C-alpha atoms as a PDB file:
ATOM      1  CA  MET A   1       0.004  -0.002   0.004  1.00  0.00           C
ATOM      2  CA  LYS A   2       1.437   3.309  -1.086  1.00  0.00           C
ATOM      3  CA  LEU A   3       0.875   6.415   0.965  1.00  0.00           C
ATOM      4  CA  ARG A   4       0.004   9.337  -1.298  1.00  0.00           C
ATOM      5  CA  ILE A   5       0.430  12.827   0.100  1.00  0.00           C
ATOM      6  CA  PRO A   6      -1.554  15.567  -1.627  1.00  0.00           C
ATOM      7  CA  VAL A   7       0.502  18.217  -3.430  1.00  0.00           C
ATOM      8  CA  TRP A   8      -0.805  21.016  -1.222  1.00  0.00           C
ATOM      9  CA  VAL A   9       0.447  19.215   1.905  1.00  0.00           C
ATOM     10  CA  SER A  10       3.889  18.852   0.315  1.00  0.00           C
ATOM     11  CA  LEU A  11       3.917  22.577  -0.493  1.00  0.00           C
ATOM     12  CA  ILE A  12       2.960  23.504   3.074  1.00  0.00           C
ATOM     13  CA  LEU A  13       5.707  21.266   4.453  1.00  0.00           C
ATOM     14  CA  ALA A  14       8.257  22.769   2.040  1.00  0.00           C
ATOM     15  CA  VAL A  15       7.318  26.323   3.056  1.00  0.00           C
ATOM     16  CA  ALA A  16       7.448  25.409   6.741  1.00  0.00           C
ATOM     17  CA  ALA A  17      10.893  23.809   6.291  1.00  0.00           C
ATOM     18  CA  ALA A  18      12.173  26.910   4.455  1.00  0.00           C
ATOM     19  CA  ALA A  19      10.823  29.186   7.189  1.00  0.00           C
ATOM     20  CA  LEU A  20      12.455  27.053   9.887  1.00  0.00           C
ATOM     21  CA  ALA A  21      15.777  27.011   8.027  1.00  0.00           C
ATOM     22  CA  THR A  22      15.655  30.797   7.639  1.00  0.00           C
ATOM     23  CA  HIS A  23      14.888  31.238  11.331  1.00  0.00           C
ATOM     24  CA  VAL A  24      17.751  28.960  12.381  1.00  0.00           C
ATOM     25  CA  ALA A  25      20.193  30.636   9.967  1.00  0.00           C
ATOM     26  CA  SER A  26      19.278  34.104  11.272  1.00  0.00           C
ATOM     27  CA  ARG A  27      20.259  33.019  14.788  1.00  0.00           C
ATOM     28  CA  LEU A  28      23.731  31.916  13.713  1.00  0.00           C
ATOM     29  CA  THR A  29      25.483  35.273  14.025  1.00  0.00           C
ATOM     30  CA  ALA A  30      28.943  33.741  14.115  1.00  0.00           C
ATOM     31  CA  ALA A  31      28.425  31.694  10.953  1.00  0.00           C
ATOM     32  CA  ARG A  32      30.263  32.991   7.905  1.00  0.00           C
ATOM     33  CA  VAL A  33      29.668  31.833   4.377  1.00  0.00           C
ATOM     34  CA  GLU A  34      31.828  32.865   1.437  1.00  0.00           C
ATOM     35  CA  VAL A  35      29.636  32.993  -1.640  1.00  0.00           C
ATOM     36  CA  GLY A  36      30.764  33.717  -5.155  1.00  0.00           C
ATOM     37  CA  ARG A  37      34.116  33.858  -6.830  1.00  0.00           C
ATOM     38  CA  ILE A  38      35.578  36.743  -4.808  1.00  0.00           C
ATOM     39  CA  ARG A  39      36.400  36.195  -1.164  1.00  0.00           C
ATOM     40  CA  ARG A  40      36.387  39.128   1.257  1.00  0.00           C
ATOM     41  CA  THR A  41      39.645  38.027   2.713  1.00  0.00           C
ATOM     42  CA  HIS A  42      41.438  37.869  -0.632  1.00  0.00           C
ATOM     43  CA  LEU A  43      43.894  40.701  -1.267  1.00  0.00           C
ATOM     44  CA  ASP A  44      44.843  41.676  -4.813  1.00  0.00           C
ATOM     45  CA  ALA A  45      48.472  41.359  -5.797  1.00  0.00           C
ATOM     46  CA  ALA A  46      48.777  45.169  -5.994  1.00  0.00           C
ATOM     47  CA  ILE A  47      47.639  45.534  -2.370  1.00  0.00           C
ATOM     48  CA  VAL A  48      50.011  42.800  -1.204  1.00  0.00           C
ATOM     49  CA  GLU A  49      52.869  44.571  -3.014  1.00  0.00           C
ATOM     50  CA  ARG A  50      51.997  47.926  -1.446  1.00  0.00           C
ATOM     51  CA  LEU A  51      51.872  46.393   2.008  1.00  0.00           C
ATOM     52  CA  ALA A  52      55.209  44.700   1.450  1.00  0.00           C
ATOM     53  CA  ASN A  53      56.781  48.030   0.446  1.00  0.00           C
ATOM     54  CA  LEU A  54      55.665  49.941   3.532  1.00  0.00           C
ATOM     55  CA  ARG A  55      58.619  51.189   5.549  1.00  0.00           C
ATOM     56  CA  GLU A  56      56.731  52.121   8.722  1.00  0.00           C
ATOM     57  CA  ARG A  57      54.373  50.166  10.885  1.00  0.00           C
ATOM     58  CA  VAL A  58      50.702  51.037  10.244  1.00  0.00           C
ATOM     59  CA  PHE A  59      48.187  51.394  13.078  1.00  0.00           C
ATOM     60  CA  VAL A  60      44.500  51.082  12.161  1.00  0.00           C
ATOM     61  CA  GLN A  61      41.746  51.985  14.567  1.00  0.00           C
ATOM     62  CA  PHE A  62      38.259  51.094  13.379  1.00  0.00           C
ATOM     63  CA  PHE A  63      35.140  52.509  15.015  1.00  0.00           C
ATOM     64  CA  VAL A  64      31.740  51.004  14.294  1.00  0.00           C
ATOM     65  CA  THR A  65      28.245  51.453  15.659  1.00  0.00           C
ATOM     66  CA  ALA A  66      26.840  48.604  17.730  1.00  0.00           C
ATOM     67  CA  ARG A  67      25.487  45.806  15.541  1.00  0.00           C
ATOM     68  CA  GLU A  68      21.936  46.175  16.927  1.00  0.00           C
ATOM     69  CA  SER A  69      21.847  49.852  15.910  1.00  0.00           C
ATOM     70  CA  MET A  70      23.036  49.257  12.342  1.00  0.00           C
ATOM     71  CA  PRO A  71      20.727  48.884   9.335  1.00  0.00           C
ATOM     72  CA  SER A  72      20.332  45.196   8.486  1.00  0.00           C
ATOM     73  CA  ARG A  73      22.465  45.442   5.316  1.00  0.00           C
ATOM     74  CA  LEU A  74      25.421  46.754   7.370  1.00  0.00           C
ATOM     75  CA  ARG A  75      25.267  44.397  10.336  1.00  0.00           C
ATOM     76  CA  THR A  76      28.132  42.272   9.048  1.00  0.00           C
ATOM     77  CA  LEU A  77      30.371  45.308   8.487  1.00  0.00           C
ATOM     78  CA  GLU A  78      32.451  44.824  11.622  1.00  0.00           C
ATOM     79  CA  ALA A  79      33.207  41.183  10.811  1.00  0.00           C
ATOM     80  CA  ASP A  80      33.926  42.027   7.172  1.00  0.00           C
ATOM     81  CA  VAL A  81      36.413  44.751   8.108  1.00  0.00           C
ATOM     82  CA  ALA A  82      38.029  42.487  10.690  1.00  0.00           C
ATOM     83  CA  ASP A  83      38.466  39.804   8.018  1.00  0.00           C
ATOM     84  CA  VAL A  84      40.165  42.213   5.624  1.00  0.00           C
ATOM     85  CA  LEU A  85      42.419  43.638   8.352  1.00  0.00           C
ATOM     86  CA  GLU A  86      43.393  40.130   9.423  1.00  0.00           C
ATOM     87  CA  ALA A  87      44.243  39.267   5.812  1.00  0.00           C
ATOM     88  CA  MET A  88      46.402  42.417   5.661  1.00  0.00           C
ATOM     89  CA  ARG A  89      48.114  41.469   8.929  1.00  0.00           C
ATOM     90  CA  ALA A  90      48.890  38.014   7.531  1.00  0.00           C
ATOM     91  CA  VAL A  91      50.800  39.604   4.635  1.00  0.00           C
ATOM     92  CA  ASN A  92      53.337  41.215   6.944  1.00  0.00           C
END
């Protein structure tokens, strides 16, 4: 005996699963996903060369508004800048 599930039930389950996945993913603030061909932490050869040619030590101080007060599209800014600065530090 085969159990046949109506199409509308399958659609409701798919929507519920997508909503649950979105909810879980939004709670993972420490999770980082690199999407696409360009990585945030990748430095171009020209930047690496400039950093290698610096004669003096460089001090960078970065100020950012609290994550909760930022517009949603900028909430990852602090982590993005930290990634780039860490990539620059790794060069020297």
